[in-house]
Amino acid sequence: MKNIIKGTILLLIMLMISCGKSDQQRVDNFLDDYEQVVEKWESKIADGEFTDEDSDEMNKIIEEMGDNAKELQNVTKWTKKQQERYAKLSERIMDAIFKSMNIPGGFSY
């Protein structure tokens, strides 16, 4: 009986550890996706190929990414490195938006 209890406790500990890693991986995957979005829009804006339709699409995608970030923040505690990466990506997308609107000076927190 003691071996079954020990085995069960060990299994629960392993599950808790793997769940934490899984949540962190979800955050990292989200940040990777967010970075791709940022790079796409930075490139379009820099190339001068940014249209009103692009602006509408970008706003929709950014809103969805914001909702996803909020959901992930409710699921798991982000590491400091993840928080910093998210802040830098958000700053980059805001800079891109300001450039698309011809607003000088960029964006800074």
C-alpha atoms as a PDB file:
ATOM      1  CA  MET A   1       0.000   0.000   0.000  1.00  0.00           C
ATOM      2  CA  LYS A   2       2.821   2.417   0.872  1.00  0.00           C
ATOM      3  CA  ASN A   3       4.398   1.804  -2.541  1.00  0.00           C
ATOM      4  CA  ILE A   4       1.113   2.673  -4.276  1.00  0.00           C
ATOM      5  CA  ILE A   5       0.819   5.913  -2.301  1.00  0.00           C
ATOM      6  CA  LYS A   6       4.469   6.789  -2.982  1.00  0.00           C
ATOM      7  CA  GLY A   7       3.971   6.020  -6.668  1.00  0.00           C
ATOM      8  CA  THR A   8       0.814   8.124  -6.812  1.00  0.00           C
ATOM      9  CA  ILE A   9       2.507  11.074  -5.101  1.00  0.00           C
ATOM     10  CA  LEU A  10       5.495  10.820  -7.456  1.00  0.00           C
ATOM     11  CA  LEU A  11       3.153  10.730 -10.465  1.00  0.00           C
ATOM     12  CA  LEU A  12       1.260  13.815  -9.226  1.00  0.00           C
ATOM     13  CA  ILE A  13       4.512  15.715  -8.717  1.00  0.00           C
ATOM     14  CA  MET A  14       5.677  14.809 -12.213  1.00  0.00           C
ATOM     15  CA  LEU A  15       2.323  15.918 -13.666  1.00  0.00           C
ATOM     16  CA  MET A  16       2.490  19.254 -11.852  1.00  0.00           C
ATOM     17  CA  ILE A  17       6.024  19.890 -13.093  1.00  0.00           C
ATOM     18  CA  SER A  18       5.157  18.981 -16.674  1.00  0.00           C
ATOM     19  CA  CYS A  19       2.007  21.146 -16.586  1.00  0.00           C
ATOM     20  CA  GLY A  20       4.085  24.150 -15.542  1.00  0.00           C
ATOM     21  CA  LYS A  21       6.503  23.539 -18.392  1.00  0.00           C
ATOM     22  CA  SER A  22       3.610  23.074 -20.781  1.00  0.00           C
ATOM     23  CA  ASP A  23       2.134  26.432 -19.744  1.00  0.00           C
ATOM     24  CA  GLN A  24       5.509  28.122 -20.175  1.00  0.00           C
ATOM     25  CA  GLN A  25       5.821  26.548 -23.611  1.00  0.00           C
ATOM     26  CA  ARG A  26       2.388  27.937 -24.513  1.00  0.00           C
ATOM     27  CA  VAL A  27       3.598  31.412 -23.543  1.00  0.00           C
ATOM     28  CA  ASP A  28       6.798  30.973 -25.570  1.00  0.00           C
ATOM     29  CA  ASN A  29       4.780  29.760 -28.572  1.00  0.00           C
ATOM     30  CA  PHE A  30       2.474  32.769 -28.261  1.00  0.00           C
ATOM     31  CA  LEU A  31       5.481  35.107 -28.130  1.00  0.00           C
ATOM     32  CA  ASP A  32       6.961  33.437 -31.212  1.00  0.00           C
ATOM     33  CA  ASP A  33       3.667  33.965 -33.068  1.00  0.00           C
ATOM     34  CA  TYR A  34       3.457  37.550 -31.846  1.00  0.00           C
ATOM     35  CA  GLU A  35       6.990  38.221 -33.079  1.00  0.00           C
ATOM     36  CA  GLN A  36       6.055  36.926 -36.542  1.00  0.00           C
ATOM     37  CA  VAL A  37       3.073  39.290 -36.603  1.00  0.00           C
ATOM     38  CA  VAL A  38       5.252  42.218 -35.554  1.00  0.00           C
ATOM     39  CA  GLU A  39       7.876  41.418 -38.194  1.00  0.00           C
ATOM     40  CA  LYS A  40       5.220  41.092 -40.902  1.00  0.00           C
ATOM     41  CA  TRP A  41       3.741  44.516 -40.187  1.00  0.00           C
ATOM     42  CA  GLU A  42       7.102  46.198 -39.685  1.00  0.00           C
ATOM     43  CA  SER A  43       8.126  44.917 -43.119  1.00  0.00           C
ATOM     44  CA  LYS A  44       4.899  46.004 -44.830  1.00  0.00           C
ATOM     45  CA  ILE A  45       5.100  49.472 -43.323  1.00  0.00           C
ATOM     46  CA  ALA A  46       8.804  49.856 -44.140  1.00  0.00           C
ATOM     47  CA  ASP A  47       8.139  48.839 -47.760  1.00  0.00           C
ATOM     48  CA  GLY A  48       5.439  51.490 -48.088  1.00  0.00           C
ATOM     49  CA  GLU A  49       2.873  48.860 -49.043  1.00  0.00           C
ATOM     50  CA  PHE A  50       0.580  49.571 -46.112  1.00  0.00           C
ATOM     51  CA  THR A  51      -3.053  50.181 -47.109  1.00  0.00           C
ATOM     52  CA  ASP A  52      -6.220  51.012 -45.171  1.00  0.00           C
ATOM     53  CA  GLU A  53      -7.223  47.356 -45.508  1.00  0.00           C
ATOM     54  CA  ASP A  54      -3.878  46.365 -44.000  1.00  0.00           C
ATOM     55  CA  SER A  55      -4.515  48.752 -41.136  1.00  0.00           C
ATOM     56  CA  ASP A  56      -7.892  47.142 -40.438  1.00  0.00           C
ATOM     57  CA  GLU A  57      -6.377  43.659 -40.596  1.00  0.00           C
ATOM     58  CA  MET A  58      -3.487  44.650 -38.339  1.00  0.00           C
ATOM     59  CA  ASN A  59      -5.847  46.155 -35.752  1.00  0.00           C
ATOM     60  CA  LYS A  60      -7.902  42.961 -35.722  1.00  0.00           C
ATOM     61  CA  ILE A  61      -4.840  40.746 -35.337  1.00  0.00           C
ATOM     62  CA  ILE A  62      -3.359  42.932 -32.592  1.00  0.00           C
ATOM     63  CA  GLU A  63      -6.651  42.822 -30.698  1.00  0.00           C
ATOM     64  CA  GLU A  64      -6.724  39.024 -30.978  1.00  0.00           C
ATOM     65  CA  MET A  65      -3.114  38.794 -29.811  1.00  0.00           C
ATOM     66  CA  GLY A  66      -3.950  41.013 -26.834  1.00  0.00           C
ATOM     67  CA  ASP A  67      -6.869  38.752 -25.920  1.00  0.00           C
ATOM     68  CA  ASN A  68      -4.606  35.709 -26.198  1.00  0.00           C
ATOM     69  CA  ALA A  69      -2.007  37.359 -23.968  1.00  0.00           C
ATOM     70  CA  LYS A  70      -4.620  38.115 -21.316  1.00  0.00           C
ATOM     71  CA  GLU A  71      -5.844  34.530 -21.434  1.00  0.00           C
ATOM     72  CA  LEU A  72      -2.313  33.181 -21.033  1.00  0.00           C
ATOM     73  CA  GLN A  73      -1.603  35.570 -18.164  1.00  0.00           C
ATOM     74  CA  ASN A  74      -4.608  34.086 -16.380  1.00  0.00           C
ATOM     75  CA  VAL A  75      -3.353  30.533 -16.987  1.00  0.00           C
ATOM     76  CA  THR A  76       0.238  30.827 -15.859  1.00  0.00           C
ATOM     77  CA  LYS A  77       2.721  33.224 -14.320  1.00  0.00           C
ATOM     78  CA  TRP A  78       5.012  34.576 -17.019  1.00  0.00           C
ATOM     79  CA  THR A  79       8.736  34.629 -16.386  1.00  0.00           C
ATOM     80  CA  LYS A  80      10.471  37.982 -16.256  1.00  0.00           C
ATOM     81  CA  LYS A  81      12.133  37.209 -19.598  1.00  0.00           C
ATOM     82  CA  GLN A  82       8.736  36.467 -21.181  1.00  0.00           C
ATOM     83  CA  GLN A  83       7.266  39.683 -19.778  1.00  0.00           C
ATOM     84  CA  GLU A  84      10.181  41.709 -21.125  1.00  0.00           C
ATOM     85  CA  ARG A  85       9.898  40.059 -24.538  1.00  0.00           C
ATOM     86  CA  TYR A  86       6.168  40.816 -24.682  1.00  0.00           C
ATOM     87  CA  ALA A  87       6.796  44.451 -23.724  1.00  0.00           C
ATOM     88  CA  LYS A  88       9.486  44.847 -26.400  1.00  0.00           C
ATOM     89  CA  LEU A  89       7.271  43.274 -29.074  1.00  0.00           C
ATOM     90  CA  SER A  90       4.385  45.524 -28.039  1.00  0.00           C
ATOM     91  CA  GLU A  91       6.653  48.559 -28.271  1.00  0.00           C
ATOM     92  CA  ARG A  92       7.805  47.480 -31.740  1.00  0.00           C
ATOM     93  CA  ILE A  93       4.238  47.072 -33.013  1.00  0.00           C
ATOM     94  CA  MET A  94       3.280  50.480 -31.599  1.00  0.00           C
ATOM     95  CA  ASP A  95       6.310  52.019 -33.352  1.00  0.00           C
ATOM     96  CA  ALA A  96       5.153  50.387 -36.581  1.00  0.00           C
ATOM     97  CA  ILE A  97       1.638  51.750 -36.102  1.00  0.00           C
ATOM     98  CA  PHE A  98       2.980  55.263 -35.487  1.00  0.00           C
ATOM     99  CA  LYS A  99       5.136  55.021 -38.599  1.00  0.00           C
ATOM    100  CA  SER A 100       2.122  53.925 -40.638  1.00  0.00           C
ATOM    101  CA  MET A 101       0.284  57.007 -39.389  1.00  0.00           C
ATOM    102  CA  ASN A 102       3.321  59.259 -40.003  1.00  0.00           C
ATOM    103  CA  ILE A 103       3.577  60.141 -36.307  1.00  0.00           C
ATOM    104  CA  PRO A 104       7.185  61.115 -35.488  1.00  0.00           C
ATOM    105  CA  GLY A 105       8.998  60.032 -32.362  1.00  0.00           C
ATOM    106  CA  GLY A 106       7.808  56.473 -32.075  1.00  0.00           C
ATOM    107  CA  PHE A 107       6.397  54.845 -28.990  1.00  0.00           C
ATOM    108  CA  SER A 108       8.005  54.183 -25.614  1.00  0.00           C
ATOM    109  CA  TYR A 109       6.670  52.900 -22.312  1.00  0.00           C
END
